């Protein structure tokens, strides 16, 4: 499997791109969880957000989306 993304003629390593996409997904989920007042049930919100980001990033790297790899 190719571990690089191609943007035009520039090759970019996969981990920073995957981390950026995972960060965007985590930020959207964070805003959604704030809107539904989920964090009042969470003991440590920052730790929860960090774990959520790591879980999303791990899911993206172990189960890659075929349309993202170029």
N, C-alpha and C. Protein backbone atom coordinates (compact mmCIF):
# COMPACT_ATOMS: atom_id res chain seq x y z
N UNK A 1 0.84 -1.18 0.00
CA UNK A 1 0.00 0.00 0.00
C UNK A 1 0.89 1.24 0.00
N UNK A 2 0.48 2.23 -0.71
CA UNK A 2 1.20 3.48 -0.78
C UNK A 2 0.98 4.26 0.52
N UNK A 3 2.07 4.68 1.16
CA UNK A 3 1.95 5.39 2.43
C UNK A 3 2.13 6.89 2.25
N UNK A 4 1.88 7.37 1.05
CA UNK A 4 1.99 8.80 0.78
C UNK A 4 0.75 9.27 0.04
N UNK A 5 0.44 10.55 0.22
CA UNK A 5 -0.63 11.18 -0.52
C UNK A 5 0.00 12.07 -1.58
N UNK A 6 -0.71 12.23 -2.68
CA UNK A 6 -0.23 13.08 -3.75
C UNK A 6 -1.16 14.27 -3.90
N UNK A 7 -0.63 15.46 -3.68
CA UNK A 7 -1.36 16.69 -3.89
C UNK A 7 -0.68 17.42 -5.05
N UNK A 8 -1.28 17.27 -6.23
CA UNK A 8 -0.61 17.80 -7.42
C UNK A 8 0.61 16.95 -7.71
N UNK A 9 1.78 17.56 -7.67
CA UNK A 9 3.03 16.82 -7.86
C UNK A 9 3.83 16.70 -6.58
N UNK A 10 3.20 16.95 -5.45
CA UNK A 10 3.89 16.92 -4.16
C UNK A 10 3.45 15.69 -3.38
N UNK A 11 4.43 14.91 -2.94
CA UNK A 11 4.16 13.76 -2.10
C UNK A 11 4.21 14.18 -0.63
N UNK A 12 3.18 13.78 0.12
CA UNK A 12 3.10 14.10 1.55
C UNK A 12 2.93 12.78 2.29
N UNK A 13 3.68 12.62 3.38
CA UNK A 13 3.58 11.40 4.18
C UNK A 13 2.17 11.26 4.76
N UNK A 14 1.75 10.03 4.94
CA UNK A 14 0.39 9.76 5.38
C UNK A 14 0.10 10.15 6.83
N UNK A 15 1.00 9.95 7.80
CA UNK A 15 0.63 10.26 9.19
C UNK A 15 0.21 11.70 9.46
N UNK A 16 0.90 12.72 8.95
CA UNK A 16 0.41 14.07 9.22
C UNK A 16 -0.95 14.37 8.58
N UNK A 17 -1.19 13.82 7.41
CA UNK A 17 -2.47 14.03 6.75
C UNK A 17 -3.58 13.31 7.51
N UNK A 18 -3.32 12.08 7.92
CA UNK A 18 -4.31 11.34 8.70
C UNK A 18 -4.57 12.02 10.04
N UNK A 19 -3.53 12.54 10.67
CA UNK A 19 -3.71 13.23 11.95
C UNK A 19 -4.53 14.50 11.77
N UNK A 20 -4.31 15.22 10.69
CA UNK A 20 -5.09 16.43 10.44
C UNK A 20 -6.56 16.13 10.22
N UNK A 21 -6.83 15.08 9.46
CA UNK A 21 -8.23 14.69 9.22
C UNK A 21 -8.86 14.20 10.52
N UNK A 22 -8.11 13.42 11.30
CA UNK A 22 -8.63 12.94 12.59
C UNK A 22 -8.88 14.12 13.54
N UNK A 23 -8.03 15.13 13.49
CA UNK A 23 -8.23 16.30 14.34
C UNK A 23 -9.51 17.05 13.94
N UNK A 24 -9.74 17.19 12.66
CA UNK A 24 -10.96 17.85 12.21
C UNK A 24 -12.21 17.08 12.65
N UNK A 25 -12.17 15.76 12.52
CA UNK A 25 -13.30 14.94 12.95
C UNK A 25 -13.49 15.05 14.45
N UNK A 26 -12.38 15.04 15.21
CA UNK A 26 -12.48 15.15 16.66
C UNK A 26 -13.03 16.51 17.08
N UNK A 27 -12.66 17.57 16.37
CA UNK A 27 -13.18 18.90 16.69
C UNK A 27 -14.69 18.99 16.43
N UNK A 28 -15.12 18.39 15.33
CA UNK A 28 -16.56 18.39 15.03
C UNK A 28 -17.31 17.57 16.08
N UNK A 29 -16.76 16.42 16.46
CA UNK A 29 -17.41 15.62 17.51
C UNK A 29 -17.41 16.35 18.85
N UNK A 30 -16.34 17.08 19.14
CA UNK A 30 -16.28 17.86 20.37
C UNK A 30 -17.39 18.90 20.40
N UNK A 31 -17.57 19.63 19.31
CA UNK A 31 -18.63 20.64 19.25
C UNK A 31 -20.01 20.00 19.39
N UNK A 32 -20.19 18.82 18.79
CA UNK A 32 -21.46 18.11 18.92
C UNK A 32 -21.70 17.67 20.36
N UNK A 33 -20.67 17.16 21.02
CA UNK A 33 -20.81 16.71 22.41
C UNK A 33 -21.03 17.89 23.35
N UNK A 34 -20.45 19.04 23.05
CA UNK A 34 -20.72 20.23 23.85
C UNK A 34 -22.17 20.67 23.67
N UNK A 35 -22.67 20.59 22.45
CA UNK A 35 -24.03 21.02 22.16
C UNK A 35 -25.07 20.15 22.88
N UNK A 36 -24.79 18.88 23.01
CA UNK A 36 -25.75 18.00 23.69
C UNK A 36 -25.43 17.85 25.17
N UNK A 37 -24.49 18.65 25.67
CA UNK A 37 -24.11 18.69 27.08
C UNK A 37 -23.63 17.33 27.60
N UNK A 38 -22.85 16.63 26.79
CA UNK A 38 -22.31 15.33 27.16
C UNK A 38 -21.21 15.46 28.21
N UNK A 39 -20.47 16.56 28.19
CA UNK A 39 -19.29 16.70 29.04
C UNK A 39 -19.61 16.86 30.53
N UNK A 40 -20.84 17.09 30.87
CA UNK A 40 -21.17 17.14 32.29
C UNK A 40 -21.13 15.75 32.92
N UNK A 41 -21.13 14.69 32.09
CA UNK A 41 -21.02 13.32 32.57
C UNK A 41 -19.59 12.78 32.50
N UNK A 42 -18.67 13.57 31.97
CA UNK A 42 -17.28 13.13 31.78
C UNK A 42 -16.44 13.69 32.91
N UNK A 43 -15.61 12.85 33.51
CA UNK A 43 -14.80 13.26 34.63
C UNK A 43 -13.73 14.27 34.24
N UNK A 44 -13.02 14.01 33.13
CA UNK A 44 -11.92 14.87 32.70
C UNK A 44 -12.08 15.13 31.20
N UNK A 45 -12.70 16.23 30.81
CA UNK A 45 -13.00 16.48 29.39
C UNK A 45 -11.79 16.52 28.48
N UNK A 46 -10.68 17.10 28.95
CA UNK A 46 -9.49 17.18 28.10
C UNK A 46 -8.92 15.79 27.84
N UNK A 47 -8.89 14.97 28.86
CA UNK A 47 -8.42 13.59 28.70
C UNK A 47 -9.35 12.82 27.76
N UNK A 48 -10.64 13.04 27.89
CA UNK A 48 -11.60 12.40 27.00
C UNK A 48 -11.39 12.83 25.55
N UNK A 49 -11.17 14.14 25.34
CA UNK A 49 -10.93 14.63 23.98
C UNK A 49 -9.66 14.05 23.38
N UNK A 50 -8.62 13.94 24.19
CA UNK A 50 -7.37 13.36 23.72
C UNK A 50 -7.55 11.89 23.34
N UNK A 51 -8.24 11.15 24.19
CA UNK A 51 -8.50 9.73 23.90
C UNK A 51 -9.37 9.58 22.66
N UNK A 52 -10.33 10.48 22.49
CA UNK A 52 -11.19 10.43 21.31
C UNK A 52 -10.37 10.68 20.04
N UNK A 53 -9.46 11.66 20.08
CA UNK A 53 -8.59 11.92 18.93
C UNK A 53 -7.71 10.72 18.61
N UNK A 54 -7.11 10.13 19.63
CA UNK A 54 -6.23 8.97 19.40
C UNK A 54 -7.03 7.80 18.84
N UNK A 55 -8.23 7.59 19.34
CA UNK A 55 -9.06 6.49 18.83
C UNK A 55 -9.47 6.73 17.37
N UNK A 56 -9.81 7.96 17.03
CA UNK A 56 -10.17 8.27 15.64
C UNK A 56 -8.97 8.08 14.73
N UNK A 57 -7.81 8.56 15.17
CA UNK A 57 -6.59 8.44 14.36
C UNK A 57 -6.22 6.96 14.19
N UNK A 58 -6.32 6.17 15.25
CA UNK A 58 -6.02 4.74 15.16
C UNK A 58 -6.99 4.04 14.22
N UNK A 59 -8.26 4.41 14.28
CA UNK A 59 -9.25 3.82 13.38
C UNK A 59 -8.94 4.17 11.93
N UNK A 60 -8.51 5.41 11.70
CA UNK A 60 -8.19 5.83 10.33
C UNK A 60 -6.96 5.11 9.78
N UNK A 61 -5.98 4.81 10.63
CA UNK A 61 -4.76 4.16 10.13
C UNK A 61 -4.93 2.65 9.99
N UNK A 62 -5.77 2.05 10.83
CA UNK A 62 -5.96 0.60 10.71
C UNK A 62 -7.03 0.24 9.69
N UNK A 63 -7.93 1.18 9.42
CA UNK A 63 -9.00 0.93 8.45
C UNK A 63 -9.04 2.11 7.48
N UNK A 64 -8.04 2.16 6.57
CA UNK A 64 -7.92 3.34 5.70
C UNK A 64 -9.06 3.44 4.69
N UNK A 65 -9.42 4.66 4.39
CA UNK A 65 -10.44 4.90 3.39
C UNK A 65 -9.80 4.85 2.01
N UNK A 66 -10.37 4.09 1.09
CA UNK A 66 -9.71 3.89 -0.21
C UNK A 66 -9.64 5.17 -1.06
N UNK A 67 -10.56 6.10 -0.89
CA UNK A 67 -10.54 7.28 -1.73
C UNK A 67 -9.51 8.31 -1.27
N UNK A 68 -8.93 8.14 -0.07
CA UNK A 68 -7.94 9.09 0.41
C UNK A 68 -6.53 8.76 -0.08
N UNK A 69 -6.28 7.52 -0.41
CA UNK A 69 -4.93 7.13 -0.84
C UNK A 69 -4.77 7.36 -2.32
N UNK A 70 -3.74 8.08 -2.67
CA UNK A 70 -3.54 8.38 -4.07
C UNK A 70 -2.24 7.91 -4.53
